[in-house]
Amino acid sequence: MRLGFEEICEKDVVNIIDGTSFGSAGDIIFDAESRKICSLVIKGKPRFFGILGREEDFFIPWEEIETIGKDVILVKTLKKRKIISEKQNIFQKILNFFL
């Protein structure tokens, strides 16, 4: 199966170990020397509608991708995506503003 960049980015990425959905792939890291794909990049979710930036991007090595299906990319990883709540993040931004 051949897929274009846009087709990969439209698919949801799911961890088969615990069923966690990481979101959709936002980018691909490509090694120009070896001409191989190194990893998928899951873009960080916007904080407070993007006004306060984004969470950190999440990288999944290509070796951890189990299969790419019609609607979903299945990965097998022990990594956990760090999730920061909106309230916690806003509070941190306010504190940093005054410090």
Foldseek 3Di string as FASTA:
>chain_A
DDDDPVQQQQAWEAEPVPGDTLGGFDDWDADPVVRGTFWTKRWFDAAPNVPLHGDHIDIDGPVQFDDDDNHHTYGHDPDDDDDDDNVRSVVVVVVVVVD
